[in-house]
Amino acid sequence: MHSSTAQEIVHGVIEVIKQLRNKCPESKVINIGITPIKDIKLDLKAKQINELLKKNADEIQVFFLDLTPHLVDSNGHQKTGPFKDGLHFTAAAYRVWHQTMKPLFDKLYKQ
């Protein structure tokens, strides 16, 4: 079984964003990064993907939103409270998501 590389995944995401921009050129795209993963190997890959996706955001039409700093402890490990099972969000994580997105939404709706 082939496991896609971080670069392959980012290429796919960028292609989807290009298609969205082609079909809806006036729309803004908010690309939400991969949230922390309990599995250390997968989390490392997620961090690589997020770094590459962040570079693709022009902060004019395409925005990158990283929830990771709000969902990890001081050692960079996934906090247990926001996750039910090391992957799926609890209500606490959705509150973090809302609080993190709100400033960006406020900015975009003022334009």
PDB file of N, CA and C in Angstrom:
ATOM      1  N   MET A   1       0.834  -1.184   0.000  1.00  0.00           N
ATOM      2  CA  MET A   1       0.000   0.000   0.000  1.00  0.00           C
ATOM      3  C   MET A   1       0.876   1.244   0.000  1.00  0.00           C
ATOM      4  N   HIS A   2       0.589   2.176  -0.888  1.00  0.00           N
ATOM      5  CA  HIS A   2       1.361   3.409  -1.019  1.00  0.00           C
ATOM      6  C   HIS A   2       0.854   4.451  -0.028  1.00  0.00           C
ATOM      7  N   SER A   3       1.764   5.024   0.710  1.00  0.00           N
ATOM      8  CA  SER A   3       1.433   6.133   1.604  1.00  0.00           C
ATOM      9  C   SER A   3       1.934   7.410   0.936  1.00  0.00           C
ATOM     10  N   SER A   4       1.048   8.345   0.705  1.00  0.00           N
ATOM     11  CA  SER A   4       1.426   9.585   0.032  1.00  0.00           C
ATOM     12  C   SER A   4       2.413  10.377   0.880  1.00  0.00           C
ATOM     13  N   THR A   5       3.333  11.027   0.190  1.00  0.00           N
ATOM     14  CA  THR A   5       4.291  11.887   0.880  1.00  0.00           C
ATOM     15  C   THR A   5       3.618  13.203   1.227  1.00  0.00           C
ATOM     16  N   ALA A   6       4.246  13.959   2.102  1.00  0.00           N
ATOM     17  CA  ALA A   6       3.733  15.282   2.455  1.00  0.00           C
ATOM     18  C   ALA A   6       3.613  16.150   1.199  1.00  0.00           C
ATOM     19  N   GLN A   7       4.607  16.081   0.334  1.00  0.00           N
ATOM     20  CA  GLN A   7       4.600  16.881  -0.890  1.00  0.00           C
ATOM     21  C   GLN A   7       3.446  16.484  -1.819  1.00  0.00           C
ATOM     22  N   GLU A   8       3.186  15.190  -1.917  1.00  0.00           N
ATOM     23  CA  GLU A   8       2.077  14.728  -2.765  1.00  0.00           C
ATOM     24  C   GLU A   8       0.734  15.208  -2.224  1.00  0.00           C
ATOM     25  N   ILE A   9       0.580  15.144  -0.926  1.00  0.00           N
ATOM     26  CA  ILE A   9      -0.669  15.601  -0.309  1.00  0.00           C
ATOM     27  C   ILE A   9      -0.858  17.093  -0.536  1.00  0.00           C
ATOM     28  N   VAL A  10       0.196  17.858  -0.324  1.00  0.00           N
ATOM     29  CA  VAL A  10       0.119  19.309  -0.520  1.00  0.00           C
ATOM     30  C   VAL A  10      -0.181  19.630  -1.977  1.00  0.00           C
ATOM     31  N   HIS A  11       0.436  18.920  -2.890  1.00  0.00           N
ATOM     32  CA  HIS A  11       0.161  19.134  -4.313  1.00  0.00           C
ATOM     33  C   HIS A  11      -1.333  18.947  -4.598  1.00  0.00           C
ATOM     34  N   GLY A  12      -1.916  17.899  -4.037  1.00  0.00           N
ATOM     35  CA  GLY A  12      -3.343  17.643  -4.229  1.00  0.00           C
ATOM     36  C   GLY A  12      -4.210  18.753  -3.653  1.00  0.00           C
ATOM     37  N   VAL A  13      -3.878  19.213  -2.462  1.00  0.00           N
ATOM     38  CA  VAL A  13      -4.645  20.300  -1.836  1.00  0.00           C
ATOM     39  C   VAL A  13      -4.534  21.571  -2.672  1.00  0.00           C
ATOM     40  N   ILE A  14      -3.335  21.871  -3.135  1.00  0.00           N
ATOM     41  CA  ILE A  14      -3.134  23.075  -3.954  1.00  0.00           C
ATOM     42  C   ILE A  14      -3.927  22.981  -5.256  1.00  0.00           C
ATOM     43  N   GLU A  15      -3.998  21.812  -5.842  1.00  0.00           N
ATOM     44  CA  GLU A  15      -4.792  21.632  -7.063  1.00  0.00           C
ATOM     45  C   GLU A  15      -6.277  21.863  -6.796  1.00  0.00           C
ATOM     46  N   VAL A  16      -6.771  21.392  -5.671  1.00  0.00           N
ATOM     47  CA  VAL A  16      -8.176  21.633  -5.310  1.00  0.00           C
ATOM     48  C   VAL A  16      -8.415  23.132  -5.130  1.00  0.00           C
ATOM     49  N   ILE A  17      -7.502  23.807  -4.458  1.00  0.00           N
ATOM     50  CA  ILE A  17      -7.638  25.257  -4.259  1.00  0.00           C
ATOM     51  C   ILE A  17      -7.625  25.979  -5.605  1.00  0.00           C
ATOM     52  N   LYS A  18      -6.761  25.553  -6.522  1.00  0.00           N
ATOM     53  CA  LYS A  18      -6.722  26.172  -7.859  1.00  0.00           C
ATOM     54  C   LYS A  18      -8.063  26.004  -8.565  1.00  0.00           C
ATOM     55  N   GLN A  19      -8.641  24.819  -8.472  1.00  0.00           N
ATOM     56  CA  GLN A  19      -9.944  24.570  -9.104  1.00  0.00           C
ATOM     57  C   GLN A  19     -11.026  25.455  -8.479  1.00  0.00           C
ATOM     58  N   LEU A  20     -11.012  25.563  -7.171  1.00  0.00           N
ATOM     59  CA  LEU A  20     -11.977  26.447  -6.494  1.00  0.00           C
ATOM     60  C   LEU A  20     -11.811  27.885  -6.960  1.00  0.00           C
ATOM     61  N   ARG A  21     -10.565  28.337  -7.019  1.00  0.00           N
ATOM     62  CA  ARG A  21     -10.281  29.725  -7.435  1.00  0.00           C
ATOM     63  C   ARG A  21     -10.678  29.941  -8.893  1.00  0.00           C
ATOM     64  N   ASN A  22     -10.490  28.940  -9.759  1.00  0.00           N
ATOM     65  CA  ASN A  22     -10.886  29.065 -11.158  1.00  0.00           C
ATOM     66  C   ASN A  22     -12.395  29.192 -11.304  1.00  0.00           C
ATOM     67  N   LYS A  23     -13.131  28.399 -10.532  1.00  0.00           N
ATOM     68  CA  LYS A  23     -14.587  28.406 -10.622  1.00  0.00           C
ATOM     69  C   LYS A  23     -15.225  29.579  -9.884  1.00  0.00           C
ATOM     70  N   CYS A  24     -14.583  30.025  -8.828  1.00  0.00           N
ATOM     71  CA  CYS A  24     -15.123  31.110  -7.990  1.00  0.00           C
ATOM     72  C   CYS A  24     -13.993  32.088  -7.675  1.00  0.00           C
ATOM     73  N   PRO A  25     -13.548  32.867  -8.665  1.00  0.00           N
ATOM     74  CA  PRO A  25     -12.355  33.706  -8.482  1.00  0.00           C
ATOM     75  C   PRO A  25     -12.478  34.780  -7.402  1.00  0.00           C
ATOM     76  N   GLU A  26     -13.691  35.191  -7.066  1.00  0.00           N
ATOM     77  CA  GLU A  26     -13.867  36.224  -6.042  1.00  0.00           C
ATOM     78  C   GLU A  26     -13.906  35.644  -4.626  1.00  0.00           C
ATOM     79  N   SER A  27     -14.026  34.338  -4.536  1.00  0.00           N
ATOM     80  CA  SER A  27     -14.145  33.695  -3.222  1.00  0.00           C
ATOM     81  C   SER A  27     -12.814  33.652  -2.497  1.00  0.00           C
ATOM     82  N   LYS A  28     -12.906  33.673  -1.192  1.00  0.00           N
ATOM     83  CA  LYS A  28     -11.746  33.478  -0.333  1.00  0.00           C
ATOM     84  C   LYS A  28     -11.722  32.000   0.068  1.00  0.00           C
ATOM     85  N   VAL A  29     -10.537  31.460   0.196  1.00  0.00           N
ATOM     86  CA  VAL A  29     -10.378  30.070   0.593  1.00  0.00           C
ATOM     87  C   VAL A  29      -9.645  30.045   1.930  1.00  0.00           C
ATOM     88  N   ILE A  30     -10.240  29.368   2.894  1.00  0.00           N
ATOM     89  CA  ILE A  30      -9.588  29.182   4.184  1.00  0.00           C
ATOM     90  C   ILE A  30      -9.152  27.720   4.259  1.00  0.00           C
ATOM     91  N   ASN A  31      -7.867  27.527   4.273  1.00  0.00           N
ATOM     92  CA  ASN A  31      -7.284  26.193   4.346  1.00  0.00           C
ATOM     93  C   ASN A  31      -6.917  25.942   5.811  1.00  0.00           C
ATOM     94  N   ILE A  32      -7.638  25.043   6.456  1.00  0.00           N
ATOM     95  CA  ILE A  32      -7.379  24.737   7.857  1.00  0.00           C
ATOM     96  C   ILE A  32      -6.370  23.600   7.923  1.00  0.00           C
ATOM     97  N   GLY A  33      -5.298  23.835   8.650  1.00  0.00           N
ATOM     98  CA  GLY A  33      -4.246  22.846   8.761  1.00  0.00           C
ATOM     99  C   GLY A  33      -4.690  21.578   9.470  1.00  0.00           C
ATOM    100  N   ILE A  34      -3.905  20.557   9.297  1.00  0.00           N
ATOM    101  CA  ILE A  34      -4.160  19.292   9.968  1.00  0.00           C
ATOM    102  C   ILE A  34      -3.902  19.508  11.456  1.00  0.00           C
ATOM    103  N   THR A  35      -4.833  19.078  12.277  1.00  0.00           N
ATOM    104  CA  THR A  35      -4.688  19.247  13.725  1.00  0.00           C
ATOM    105  C   THR A  35      -3.752  18.174  14.278  1.00  0.00           C
ATOM    106  N   PRO A  36      -3.244  18.375  15.482  1.00  0.00           N
ATOM    107  CA  PRO A  36      -2.298  17.422  16.060  1.00  0.00           C
ATOM    108  C   PRO A  36      -2.864  16.001  16.104  1.00  0.00           C
ATOM    109  N   ILE A  37      -1.984  15.049  15.896  1.00  0.00           N
ATOM    110  CA  ILE A  37      -2.356  13.636  15.870  1.00  0.00           C
ATOM    111  C   ILE A  37      -1.559  12.924  16.964  1.00  0.00           C
ATOM    112  N   LYS A  38      -2.204  12.058  17.682  1.00  0.00           N
ATOM    113  CA  LYS A  38      -1.550  11.358  18.797  1.00  0.00           C
ATOM    114  C   LYS A  38      -0.376  10.495  18.319  1.00  0.00           C
ATOM    115  N   ASP A  39      -0.523   9.868  17.162  1.00  0.00           N
ATOM    116  CA  ASP A  39       0.547   9.045  16.586  1.00  0.00           C
ATOM    117  C   ASP A  39       1.687   9.972  16.160  1.00  0.00           C
ATOM    118  N   ILE A  40       2.853   9.812  16.778  1.00  0.00           N
ATOM    119  CA  ILE A  40       3.968  10.739  16.574  1.00  0.00           C
ATOM    120  C   ILE A  40       4.436  10.777  15.125  1.00  0.00           C
ATOM    121  N   LYS A  41       4.509   9.631  14.460  1.00  0.00           N
ATOM    122  CA  LYS A  41       4.954   9.579  13.062  1.00  0.00           C
ATOM    123  C   LYS A  41       3.979  10.345  12.159  1.00  0.00           C
ATOM    124  N   LEU A  42       2.685  10.116  12.359  1.00  0.00           N
ATOM    125  CA  LEU A  42       1.687  10.831  11.561  1.00  0.00           C
ATOM    126  C   LEU A  42       1.655  12.318  11.897  1.00  0.00           C
ATOM    127  N   ASP A  43       1.882  12.642  13.168  1.00  0.00           N
ATOM    128  CA  ASP A  43       1.895  14.040  13.578  1.00  0.00           C
ATOM    129  C   ASP A  43       3.044  14.785  12.922  1.00  0.00           C
ATOM    130  N   LEU A  44       4.189  14.132  12.812  1.00  0.00           N
ATOM    131  CA  LEU A  44       5.340  14.746  12.146  1.00  0.00           C
ATOM    132  C   LEU A  44       5.017  15.050  10.686  1.00  0.00           C
ATOM    133  N   LYS A  45       4.359  14.109  10.021  1.00  0.00           N
ATOM    134  CA  LYS A  45       3.957  14.307   8.627  1.00  0.00           C
ATOM    135  C   LYS A  45       2.946  15.447   8.530  1.00  0.00           C
ATOM    136  N   ALA A  46       2.017  15.506   9.470  1.00  0.00           N
ATOM    137  CA  ALA A  46       1.017  16.581   9.479  1.00  0.00           C
ATOM    138  C   ALA A  46       1.703  17.937   9.617  1.00  0.00           C
ATOM    139  N   LYS A  47       2.704  18.015  10.463  1.00  0.00           N
ATOM    140  CA  LYS A  47       3.441  19.272  10.649  1.00  0.00           C
ATOM    141  C   LYS A  47       4.136  19.685   9.348  1.00  0.00           C
ATOM    142  N   GLN A  48       4.723  18.713   8.644  1.00  0.00           N
ATOM    143  CA  GLN A  48       5.368  19.008   7.356  1.00  0.00           C
ATOM    144  C   GLN A  48       4.342  19.541   6.358  1.00  0.00           C
ATOM    145  N   ILE A  49       3.196  18.886   6.306  1.00  0.00           N
ATOM    146  CA  ILE A  49       2.129  19.314   5.388  1.00  0.00           C
ATOM    147  C   ILE A  49       1.695  20.727   5.727  1.00  0.00           C
ATOM    148  N   ASN A  50       1.473  20.991   7.002  1.00  0.00           N
ATOM    149  CA  ASN A  50       1.031  22.325   7.408  1.00  0.00           C
ATOM    150  C   ASN A  50       2.042  23.401   7.034  1.00  0.00           C
ATOM    151  N   GLU A  51       3.319  23.116   7.221  1.00  0.00           N
ATOM    152  CA  GLU A  51       4.344  24.102   6.856  1.00  0.00           C
ATOM    153  C   GLU A  51       4.304  24.404   5.357  1.00  0.00           C
ATOM    154  N   LEU A  52       4.137  23.385   4.551  1.00  0.00           N
ATOM    155  CA  LEU A  52       4.064  23.581   3.100  1.00  0.00           C
ATOM    156  C   LEU A  52       2.782  24.318   2.705  1.00  0.00           C
ATOM    157  N   LEU A  53       1.673  23.970   3.330  1.00  0.00           N
ATOM    158  CA  LEU A  53       0.409  24.642   3.008  1.00  0.00           C
ATOM    159  C   LEU A  53       0.441  26.113   3.422  1.00  0.00           C
ATOM    160  N   LYS A  54       1.089  26.385   4.540  1.00  0.00           N
ATOM    161  CA  LYS A  54       1.196  27.763   5.019  1.00  0.00           C
ATOM    162  C   LYS A  54       1.909  28.631   3.990  1.00  0.00           C
ATOM    163  N   LYS A  55       2.914  28.069   3.332  1.00  0.00           N
ATOM    164  CA  LYS A  55       3.665  28.806   2.309  1.00  0.00           C
ATOM    165  C   LYS A  55       2.801  29.104   1.085  1.00  0.00           C
ATOM    166  N   ASN A  56       1.770  28.314   0.864  1.00  0.00           N
ATOM    167  CA  ASN A  56       0.889  28.503  -0.292  1.00  0.00           C
ATOM    168  C   ASN A  56      -0.150  29.604  -0.060  1.00  0.00           C
ATOM    169  N   ALA A  57      -0.370  29.972   1.174  1.00  0.00           N
ATOM    170  CA  ALA A  57      -1.386  30.978   1.489  1.00  0.00           C
ATOM    171  C   ALA A  57      -0.845  32.371   1.190  1.00  0.00           C
ATOM    172  N   ASP A  58      -1.599  33.124   0.393  1.00  0.00           N
ATOM    173  CA  ASP A  58      -1.169  34.487   0.076  1.00  0.00           C
ATOM    174  C   ASP A  58      -1.759  35.515   1.044  1.00  0.00           C
ATOM    175  N   GLU A  59      -2.666  35.079   1.912  1.00  0.00           N
ATOM    176  CA  GLU A  59      -3.331  35.927   2.909  1.00  0.00           C
ATOM    177  C   GLU A  59      -4.127  37.066   2.266  1.00  0.00           C
ATOM    178  N   ILE A  60      -4.464  36.895   0.996  1.00  0.00           N
ATOM    179  CA  ILE A  60      -5.335  37.820   0.274  1.00  0.00           C
ATOM    180  C   ILE A  60      -6.561  37.061  -0.209  1.00  0.00           C
ATOM    181  N   GLN A  61      -6.313  35.974  -0.911  1.00  0.00           N
ATOM    182  CA  GLN A  61      -7.395  35.121  -1.422  1.00  0.00           C
ATOM    183  C   GLN A  61      -7.395  33.750  -0.750  1.00  0.00           C
ATOM    184  N   VAL A  62      -6.212  33.301  -0.382  1.00  0.00           N
ATOM    185  CA  VAL A  62      -6.055  31.989   0.246  1.00  0.00           C
ATOM    186  C   VAL A  62      -5.410  32.194   1.613  1.00  0.00           C
ATOM    187  N   PHE A  63      -6.101  31.702   2.635  1.00  0.00           N
ATOM    188  CA  PHE A  63      -5.654  31.873   4.016  1.00  0.00           C
ATOM    189  C   PHE A  63      -5.368  30.508   4.631  1.00  0.00           C
ATOM    190  N   PHE A  64      -4.358  30.460   5.469  1.00  0.00           N
ATOM    191  CA  PHE A  64      -4.042  29.229   6.187  1.00  0.00           C
ATOM    192  C   PHE A  64      -4.319  29.464   7.657  1.00  0.00           C
ATOM    193  N   LEU A  65      -5.071  28.558   8.246  1.00  0.00           N
ATOM    194  CA  LEU A  65      -5.413  28.654   9.663  1.00  0.00           C
ATOM    195  C   LEU A  65      -4.839  27.446  10.385  1.00  0.00           C
ATOM    196  N   ASP A  66      -3.979  27.704  11.344  1.00  0.00           N
ATOM    197  CA  ASP A  66      -3.322  26.629  12.088  1.00  0.00           C
ATOM    198  C   ASP A  66      -3.865  26.580  13.509  1.00  0.00           C
ATOM    199  N   LEU A  67      -4.576  25.514  13.824  1.00  0.00           N
ATOM    200  CA  LEU A  67      -5.135  25.330  15.162  1.00  0.00           C
ATOM    201  C   LEU A  67      -4.133  24.678  16.123  1.00  0.00           C
ATOM    202  N   THR A  68      -3.055  24.138  15.586  1.00  0.00           N
ATOM    203  CA  THR A  68      -2.110  23.354  16.376  1.00  0.00           C
ATOM    204  C   THR A  68      -1.637  24.053  17.649  1.00  0.00           C
ATOM    205  N   PRO A  69      -1.207  25.315  17.595  1.00  0.00           N
ATOM    206  CA  PRO A  69      -0.700  25.934  18.829  1.00  0.00           C
ATOM    207  C   PRO A  69      -1.712  25.924  19.982  1.00  0.00           C
ATOM    208  N   HIS A  70      -2.977  25.863  19.649  1.00  0.00           N
ATOM    209  CA  HIS A  70      -4.035  25.885  20.671  1.00  0.00           C
ATOM    210  C   HIS A  70      -4.412  24.490  21.163  1.00  0.00           C
ATOM    211  N   LEU A  71      -3.876  23.460  20.507  1.00  0.00           N
ATOM    212  CA  LEU A  71      -4.280  22.082  20.813  1.00  0.00           C
ATOM    213  C   LEU A  71      -3.135  21.206  21.304  1.00  0.00           C
ATOM    214  N   VAL A  72      -1.979  21.824  21.556  1.00  0.00           N
ATOM    215  CA  VAL A  72      -0.828  21.065  22.054  1.00  0.00           C
ATOM    216  C   VAL A  72      -0.354  21.658  23.381  1.00  0.00           C
ATOM    217  N   ASP A  73       0.363  20.825  24.141  1.00  0.00           N
ATOM    218  CA  ASP A  73       0.908  21.293  25.419  1.00  0.00           C
ATOM    219  C   ASP A  73       2.256  21.982  25.178  1.00  0.00           C
ATOM    220  N   SER A  74       2.916  22.365  26.254  1.00  0.00           N
ATOM    221  CA  SER A  74       4.191  23.092  26.134  1.00  0.00           C
ATOM    222  C   SER A  74       5.306  22.261  25.494  1.00  0.00           C
ATOM    223  N   ASN A  75       5.129  20.937  25.460  1.00  0.00           N
ATOM    224  CA  ASN A  75       6.107  20.058  24.806  1.00  0.00           C
ATOM    225  C   ASN A  75       5.746  19.773  23.347  1.00  0.00           C
ATOM    226  N   GLY A  76       4.654  20.352  22.875  1.00  0.00           N
ATOM    227  CA  GLY A  76       4.238  20.138  21.496  1.00  0.00           C
ATOM    228  C   GLY A  76       3.429  18.879  21.278  1.00  0.00           C
ATOM    229  N   HIS A  77       3.012  18.226  22.368  1.00  0.00           N
ATOM    230  CA  HIS A  77       2.208  17.011  22.258  1.00  0.00           C
ATOM    231  C   HIS A  77       0.717  17.343  22.349  1.00  0.00           C
ATOM    232  N   GLN A  78      -0.055  16.545  21.695  1.00  0.00           N
ATOM    233  CA  GLN A  78      -1.501  16.731  21.664  1.00  0.00           C
ATOM    234  C   GLN A  78      -2.074  16.755  23.079  1.00  0.00           C
ATOM    235  N   LYS A  79      -2.880  17.784  23.369  1.00  0.00           N
ATOM    236  CA  LYS A  79      -3.590  17.827  24.646  1.00  0.00           C
ATOM    237  C   LYS A  79      -4.694  16.777  24.608  1.00  0.00           C
ATOM    238  N   THR A  80      -4.994  16.200  25.753  1.00  0.00           N
ATOM    239  CA  THR A  80      -6.031  15.169  25.785  1.00  0.00           C
ATOM    240  C   THR A  80      -7.437  15.767  25.837  1.00  0.00           C
ATOM    241  N   GLY A  81      -7.625  16.893  26.483  1.00  0.00           N
ATOM    242  CA  GLY A  81      -8.963  17.487  26.633  1.00  0.00           C
ATOM    243  C   GLY A  81      -9.694  17.760  25.331  1.00  0.00           C
ATOM    244  N   PRO A  82      -9.028  18.313  24.325  1.00  0.00           N
ATOM    245  CA  PRO A  82      -9.733  18.632  23.078  1.00  0.00           C
ATOM    246  C   PRO A  82     -10.026  17.426  22.176  1.00  0.00           C
ATOM    247  N   PHE A  83      -9.521  16.249  22.526  1.00  0.00           N
ATOM    248  CA  PHE A  83      -9.687  15.087  21.653  1.00  0.00           C
ATOM    249  C   PHE A  83     -10.336  13.927  22.399  1.00  0.00           C
ATOM    250  N   LYS A  84     -11.306  13.304  21.738  1.00  0.00           N
ATOM    251  CA  LYS A  84     -11.999  12.145  22.323  1.00  0.00           C
ATOM    252  C   LYS A  84     -11.102  10.921  22.356  1.00  0.00           C
ATOM    253  N   ASP A  85     -10.376  10.711  21.272  1.00  0.00           N
ATOM    254  CA  ASP A  85      -9.660   9.456  21.072  1.00  0.00           C
ATOM    255  C   ASP A  85      -8.301   9.651  20.406  1.00  0.00           C
ATOM    256  N   GLY A  86      -7.755  10.840  20.527  1.00  0.00           N
ATOM    257  CA  GLY A  86      -6.485  11.120  19.878  1.00  0.00           C
ATOM    258  C   GLY A  86      -6.637  11.632  18.453  1.00  0.00           C
ATOM    259  N   LEU A  87      -7.879  11.729  17.977  1.00  0.00           N
ATOM    260  CA  LEU A  87      -8.131  12.196  16.611  1.00  0.00           C
ATOM    261  C   LEU A  87      -9.360  13.110  16.530  1.00  0.00           C
ATOM    262  N   HIS A  88     -10.469  12.654  17.073  1.00  0.00           N
ATOM    263  CA  HIS A  88     -11.735  13.379  16.937  1.00  0.00           C
ATOM    264  C   HIS A  88     -11.906  14.433  18.030  1.00  0.00           C
ATOM    265  N   PHE A  89     -12.455  15.585  17.623  1.00  0.00           N
ATOM    266  CA  PHE A  89     -12.635  16.720  18.525  1.00  0.00           C
ATOM    267  C   PHE A  89     -13.714  16.479  19.575  1.00  0.00           C
ATOM    268  N   THR A  90     -13.502  17.097  20.726  1.00  0.00           N
ATOM    269  CA  THR A  90     -14.538  17.234  21.742  1.00  0.00           C
ATOM    270  C   THR A  90     -15.145  18.624  21.555  1.00  0.00           C
ATOM    271  N   ALA A  91     -16.144  18.941  22.352  1.00  0.00           N
ATOM    272  CA  ALA A  91     -16.748  20.279  22.291  1.00  0.00           C
ATOM    273  C   ALA A  91     -15.704  21.348  22.599  1.00  0.00           C
ATOM    274  N   ALA A  92     -14.768  21.051  23.476  1.00  0.00           N
ATOM    275  CA  ALA A  92     -13.714  22.009  23.815  1.00  0.00           C
ATOM    276  C   ALA A  92     -12.876  22.370  22.591  1.00  0.00           C
ATOM    277  N   ALA A  93     -12.563  21.397  21.769  1.00  0.00           N
ATOM    278  CA  ALA A  93     -11.770  21.660  20.560  1.00  0.00           C
ATOM    279  C   ALA A  93     -12.557  22.494  19.563  1.00  0.00           C
ATOM    280  N   TYR A  94     -13.849  22.242  19.451  1.00  0.00           N
ATOM    281  CA  TYR A  94     -14.663  23.057  18.547  1.00  0.00           C
ATOM    282  C   TYR A  94     -14.736  24.502  19.029  1.00  0.00           C
ATOM    283  N   ARG A  95     -14.705  24.703  20.335  1.00  0.00           N
ATOM    284  CA  ARG A  95     -14.672  26.083  20.858  1.00  0.00           C
ATOM    285  C   ARG A  95     -13.351  26.750  20.467  1.00  0.00           C
ATOM    286  N   VAL A  96     -12.247  26.004  20.577  1.00  0.00           N
ATOM    287  CA  VAL A  96     -10.938  26.524  20.157  1.00  0.00           C
ATOM    288  C   VAL A  96     -10.975  26.881  18.680  1.00  0.00           C
ATOM    289  N   TRP A  97     -11.548  26.002  17.868  1.00  0.00           N
ATOM    290  CA  TRP A  97     -11.656  26.237  16.431  1.00  0.00           C
ATOM    291  C   TRP A  97     -12.425  27.531  16.179  1.00  0.00           C
ATOM    292  N   HIS A  98     -13.553  27.675  16.832  1.00  0.00           N
ATOM    293  CA  HIS A  98     -14.381  28.881  16.667  1.00  0.00           C
ATOM    294  C   HIS A  98     -13.597  30.134  17.077  1.00  0.00           C
ATOM    295  N   GLN A  99     -12.953  30.091  18.234  1.00  0.00           N
ATOM    296  CA  GLN A  99     -12.206  31.251  18.724  1.00  0.00           C
ATOM    297  C   GLN A  99     -11.045  31.607  17.796  1.00  0.00           C
ATOM    298  N   THR A 100     -10.446  30.604  17.186  1.00  0.00           N
ATOM    299  CA  THR A 100      -9.312  30.828  16.288  1.00  0.00           C
ATOM    300  C   THR A 100      -9.776  31.373  14.941  1.00  0.00           C
ATOM    301  N   MET A 101     -10.922  30.919  14.473  1.00  0.00           N
ATOM    302  CA  MET A 101     -11.428  31.359  13.171  1.00  0.00           C
ATOM    303  C   MET A 101     -12.100  32.736  13.225  1.00  0.00           C
ATOM    304  N   LYS A 102     -12.675  33.078  14.351  1.00  0.00           N
ATOM    305  CA  LYS A 102     -13.460  34.308  14.445  1.00  0.00           C
ATOM    306  C   LYS A 102     -12.694  35.556  13.985  1.00  0.00           C
ATOM    307  N   PRO A 103     -11.462  35.787  14.424  1.00  0.00           N
ATOM    308  CA  PRO A 103     -10.750  36.977  13.939  1.00  0.00           C
ATOM    309  C   PRO A 103     -10.583  37.000  12.417  1.00  0.00           C
ATOM    310  N   LEU A 104     -10.345  35.842  11.821  1.00  0.00           N
ATOM    311  CA  LEU A 104     -10.205  35.785  10.368  1.00  0.00           C
ATOM    312  C   LEU A 104     -11.541  36.084   9.697  1.00  0.00           C
ATOM    313  N   PHE A 105     -12.618  35.503  10.191  1.00  0.00           N
ATOM    314  CA  PHE A 105     -13.943  35.800   9.638  1.00  0.00           C
ATOM    315  C   PHE A 105     -14.269  37.290   9.776  1.00  0.00           C
ATOM    316  N   ASP A 106     -13.987  37.850  10.939  1.00  0.00           N
ATOM    317  CA  ASP A 106     -14.232  39.289  11.151  1.00  0.00           C
ATOM    318  C   ASP A 106     -13.456  40.116  10.121  1.00  0.00           C
ATOM    319  N   LYS A 107     -12.210  39.747   9.890  1.00  0.00           N
ATOM    320  CA  LYS A 107     -11.376  40.454   8.913  1.00  0.00           C
ATOM    321  C   LYS A 107     -11.955  40.323   7.499  1.00  0.00           C
ATOM    322  N   LEU A 108     -12.352  39.115   7.120  1.00  0.00           N
ATOM    323  CA  LEU A 108     -12.839  38.877   5.763  1.00  0.00           C
ATOM    324  C   LEU A 108     -14.186  39.540   5.507  1.00  0.00           C
ATOM    325  N   TYR A 109     -15.030  39.586   6.504  1.00  0.00           N
ATOM    326  CA  TYR A 109     -16.350  40.190   6.311  1.00  0.00           C
ATOM    327  C   TYR A 109     -16.310  41.698   6.342  1.00  0.00           C
ATOM    328  N   LYS A 110     -15.226  42.281   6.805  1.00  0.00           N
ATOM    329  CA  LYS A 110     -15.083  43.740   6.800  1.00  0.00           C
ATOM    330  C   LYS A 110     -14.593  44.242   5.442  1.00  0.00           C
ATOM    331  N   GLN A 111     -14.070  43.324   4.628  1.00  0.00           N
ATOM    332  CA  GLN A 111     -13.512  43.717   3.320  1.00  0.00           C
ATOM    333  C   GLN A 111     -14.625  43.975   2.321  1.00  0.00           C
TER     334      GLN A 111
END
